[in-house]
Protein backbone atom coordinates (compact mmCIF):
# COMPACT_ATOMS: atom_id res chain seq x y z
CA MET A 1 -15.76 -23.59 172.83
CA GLY A 2 -18.19 -21.54 173.77
CA GLU A 3 -21.87 -20.56 171.37
CA LEU A 4 -20.77 -18.96 167.95
CA ARG A 5 -23.50 -15.76 167.68
CA SER A 6 -23.40 -13.75 164.44
CA SER A 7 -24.63 -10.42 164.70
CA VAL A 8 -25.13 -6.94 162.38
CA CYS A 9 -24.32 -4.04 164.21
CA PHE A 10 -26.79 -0.58 163.06
CA SER A 11 -25.78 2.86 163.92
CA LEU A 12 -29.06 4.66 165.04
CA GLY A 13 -27.58 7.88 164.60
CA ASP A 14 -27.21 8.81 168.27
CA GLY A 15 -24.11 6.79 169.57
CA ARG A 16 -26.03 3.71 170.43
CA VAL A 17 -25.39 0.79 168.56
CA THR A 18 -28.20 -2.52 168.20
CA GLY A 19 -27.01 -6.02 167.77
CA LEU A 20 -29.16 -8.04 165.83
CA LYS A 21 -28.84 -11.83 165.79
CA ALA A 22 -28.77 -14.01 162.73
CA LYS A 23 -32.28 -14.69 162.76
CA ARG A 24 -33.11 -11.20 162.32
CA LEU A 25 -30.33 -10.64 160.21
CA VAL A 26 -32.01 -13.17 157.75
CA GLN A 27 -35.51 -11.83 158.31
CA THR A 28 -34.40 -8.76 157.32
CA GLY A 29 -32.52 -9.92 154.06
CA LEU A 30 -35.76 -11.96 153.20
CA LEU A 31 -37.98 -8.94 153.47
CA ALA A 32 -35.22 -7.28 151.06
CA ALA A 33 -35.58 -9.90 148.45
CA VAL A 34 -39.50 -10.02 148.47
CA ILE A 35 -39.81 -6.13 148.73
CA ALA A 36 -37.46 -6.11 145.41
CA VAL A 37 -39.72 -8.94 144.05
CA THR A 38 -42.90 -6.82 144.86
CA THR A 39 -41.98 -3.81 143.43
CA MET A 40 -40.99 -5.95 140.14
CA VAL A 41 -43.94 -8.05 139.45
CA VAL A 42 -46.57 -5.53 140.10
CA ASN A 43 -45.92 -2.59 138.84
CA VAL A 44 -47.29 0.31 136.56
CA PRO A 45 -45.30 2.96 134.74
CA LEU A 46 -46.28 6.54 134.77
CA PRO A 47 -45.09 8.29 131.71
CA GLY A 48 -44.78 11.74 133.30
CA VAL A 49 -42.25 11.41 135.74
CA LYS A 50 -40.62 7.75 133.87
CA GLY A 51 -41.50 5.88 137.05
CA TYR A 52 -43.67 3.47 138.20
CA VAL A 53 -46.56 2.53 140.42
CA ASN A 54 -46.13 -1.15 142.72
CA VAL A 55 -47.00 -2.41 146.12
CA GLY A 56 -43.49 -2.89 147.27
CA ASP A 57 -44.05 -0.44 150.31
CA ALA A 58 -46.57 -2.32 151.40
CA VAL A 59 -43.84 -5.05 152.38
CA VAL A 60 -40.91 -1.88 153.33
CA LEU A 61 -44.02 -0.55 156.07
CA LEU A 62 -44.35 -4.32 157.28
CA SER A 63 -40.62 -4.49 157.36
CA GLY A 64 -40.69 -1.76 159.58
CA ILE A 65 -43.38 -2.00 161.73
CA LEU A 66 -42.46 -5.76 162.05
CA LEU A 67 -39.34 -5.69 162.61
CA GLY A 68 -38.08 -2.03 164.00
CA PRO A 69 -36.70 1.07 162.68
CA ALA A 70 -33.44 -0.30 161.43
CA ALA A 71 -34.65 -3.69 159.63
CA GLY A 72 -37.20 -1.84 157.75
CA ALA A 73 -34.69 0.83 157.24
CA PHE A 74 -32.45 -1.48 155.58
CA ALA A 75 -34.84 -3.42 153.75
CA GLY A 76 -37.01 -0.34 152.01
CA ALA A 77 -33.87 0.79 150.88
CA VAL A 78 -31.83 -2.16 149.69
CA GLY A 79 -35.24 -3.98 148.52
CA SER A 80 -37.03 -1.39 146.42
CA SER A 81 -33.08 0.65 145.00
CA LEU A 82 -32.10 -3.50 143.56
CA ALA A 83 -36.04 -3.72 142.04
CA ASP A 84 -34.95 0.14 140.42
CA LEU A 85 -31.90 -1.06 139.07
CA LEU A 86 -33.48 -4.15 137.51
CA LEU A 87 -36.41 -2.62 136.33
CA GLY A 88 -33.78 -0.21 134.31
CA TYR A 89 -35.34 2.87 135.93
CA ALA A 90 -31.24 3.19 137.76
CA HIS A 91 -31.87 7.27 137.57
CA TRP A 92 -34.67 6.65 140.12
CA ALA A 93 -32.32 4.11 142.40
CA PRO A 94 -30.50 6.47 144.91
CA TRP A 95 -33.70 8.41 145.73
CA THR A 96 -35.29 5.32 146.03
CA PHE A 97 -32.43 4.15 148.49
CA ILE A 98 -33.16 7.21 150.46
CA ILE A 99 -36.89 7.81 150.94
CA LYS A 100 -37.47 3.72 151.11
CA GLY A 101 -35.17 3.59 153.52
CA ILE A 102 -36.92 6.54 155.18
CA GLU A 103 -40.03 5.05 154.90
CA GLY A 104 -39.12 1.99 156.50
CA PHE A 105 -37.06 3.60 159.12
CA LEU A 106 -40.39 6.20 160.54
CA ALA A 107 -42.67 3.15 160.01
CA GLY A 108 -40.67 0.98 162.36
CA TRP A 109 -40.00 3.95 164.86
CA LEU A 110 -43.21 5.13 165.24
CA ALA A 111 -44.72 1.42 165.64
CA PHE A 112 -41.96 0.53 168.59
CA ARG A 113 -41.65 3.49 170.00
CA PRO A 114 -42.21 2.55 173.90
CA GLN A 115 -45.43 3.42 174.91
CA LYS A 116 -46.69 5.39 172.41
CA GLY A 117 -45.95 2.88 169.64
CA SER A 118 -48.76 2.85 167.07
CA THR A 119 -48.50 0.91 163.66
CA PHE A 120 -51.71 2.65 162.05
CA LEU A 121 -49.19 6.08 162.67
CA GLY A 122 -45.97 4.38 161.33
CA VAL A 123 -47.24 3.14 158.28
CA PHE A 124 -49.47 6.81 157.54
CA ALA A 125 -46.42 8.43 158.32
CA GLY A 126 -44.11 6.20 156.26
CA ALA A 127 -46.77 6.69 153.09
CA VAL A 128 -46.49 10.34 153.47
CA VAL A 129 -43.05 10.15 153.43
CA MET A 130 -43.01 7.60 150.20
CA VAL A 131 -45.69 10.29 148.38
CA VAL A 132 -43.57 13.63 149.22
CA GLY A 133 -40.65 12.60 148.16
CA TYR A 134 -41.14 10.71 145.12
CA LEU A 135 -42.71 14.17 144.88
CA LEU A 136 -40.50 16.54 145.22
CA VAL A 137 -37.89 14.36 143.13
CA GLY A 138 -39.75 14.52 140.37
CA MET A 139 -39.79 18.04 140.69
CA LEU A 140 -36.20 18.31 140.51
CA TYR A 141 -35.77 15.18 137.35
CA TYR A 142 -38.99 17.00 135.27
CA GLY A 143 -40.42 19.40 136.34
CA TRP A 144 -43.23 20.76 139.18
CA ALA A 145 -46.44 19.65 135.83
CA ALA A 146 -45.00 15.90 135.60
CA ALA A 147 -44.39 15.56 139.32
CA VAL A 148 -48.34 16.80 140.18
CA VAL A 149 -49.14 14.16 137.17
CA SER A 150 -47.54 11.29 138.56
CA LEU A 151 -49.38 12.22 142.17
CA PRO A 152 -52.35 10.36 142.21
CA GLY A 153 -50.40 7.30 141.18
CA ASP A 154 -48.06 7.56 144.26
CA LEU A 155 -50.95 8.25 146.69
CA LEU A 156 -52.47 5.21 145.03
CA GLN A 157 -49.52 3.25 145.71
CA GLY A 158 -49.17 4.89 148.90
CA GLY A 159 -52.74 3.78 150.12
CA VAL A 160 -52.85 0.71 148.85
CA SER A 161 -49.88 -0.53 150.34
CA ALA A 162 -50.71 0.87 153.84
CA LEU A 163 -54.35 -0.80 153.51
CA LEU A 164 -52.59 -4.24 152.92
CA CYS A 165 -49.96 -3.55 155.35
CA VAL A 166 -52.92 -2.69 158.23
CA ILE A 167 -54.64 -5.55 157.35
CA ILE A 168 -51.84 -8.40 157.12
CA ALA A 169 -49.63 -6.73 160.00
CA ASN A 170 -50.81 -8.75 162.59
CA PRO A 171 -52.02 -12.26 161.58
CA LEU A 172 -48.58 -12.00 159.95
CA ARG A 173 -46.67 -11.39 163.33
CA LYS A 174 -48.23 -13.75 164.59
CA TYR A 175 -47.46 -16.55 162.22
CA LEU A 176 -44.07 -15.62 162.11
CA LYS A 177 -43.76 -15.59 166.39
CA LEU A 178 -42.24 -11.62 166.35
CA GLY A 179 -43.24 -11.14 169.09
CA ASP A 180 -40.23 -13.12 171.02
């Protein structure tokens, strides 16, 4: 009868399509859930832009550097925007979907580049995308002054999340046997 395999396909935008086996699909879905939970459990409201600071970005970055750009984009976008919806920040959810999707994708893409892959560069670039993305959307929603007032919170969020990610990435990679 043959072996039954599950796969999901993600387009990378350049015509190539990658297949993710069932194990990778489950890992990606679980990371999206972990992102939503970590975002919801540890969050501090930012009054200026009616948003919040959280540590969910550490898991967004981990998703990209551990599972690659497609999984990082999907888990980051879905998990983070789901948290926005559940916490009552629906006005941020579409922007969060885009910003966190790019953050996870970029972290994974830079970490997985052949011969030039760099976990540190991926984590740093992903955190910068988050900070700049929310600064721009904050300016769009609430004006320059409110966006600048929230900037220290976003910088703290990006810095702490990047540091957490760098600290736990290799031990987690070994524990989960993701080199397989």
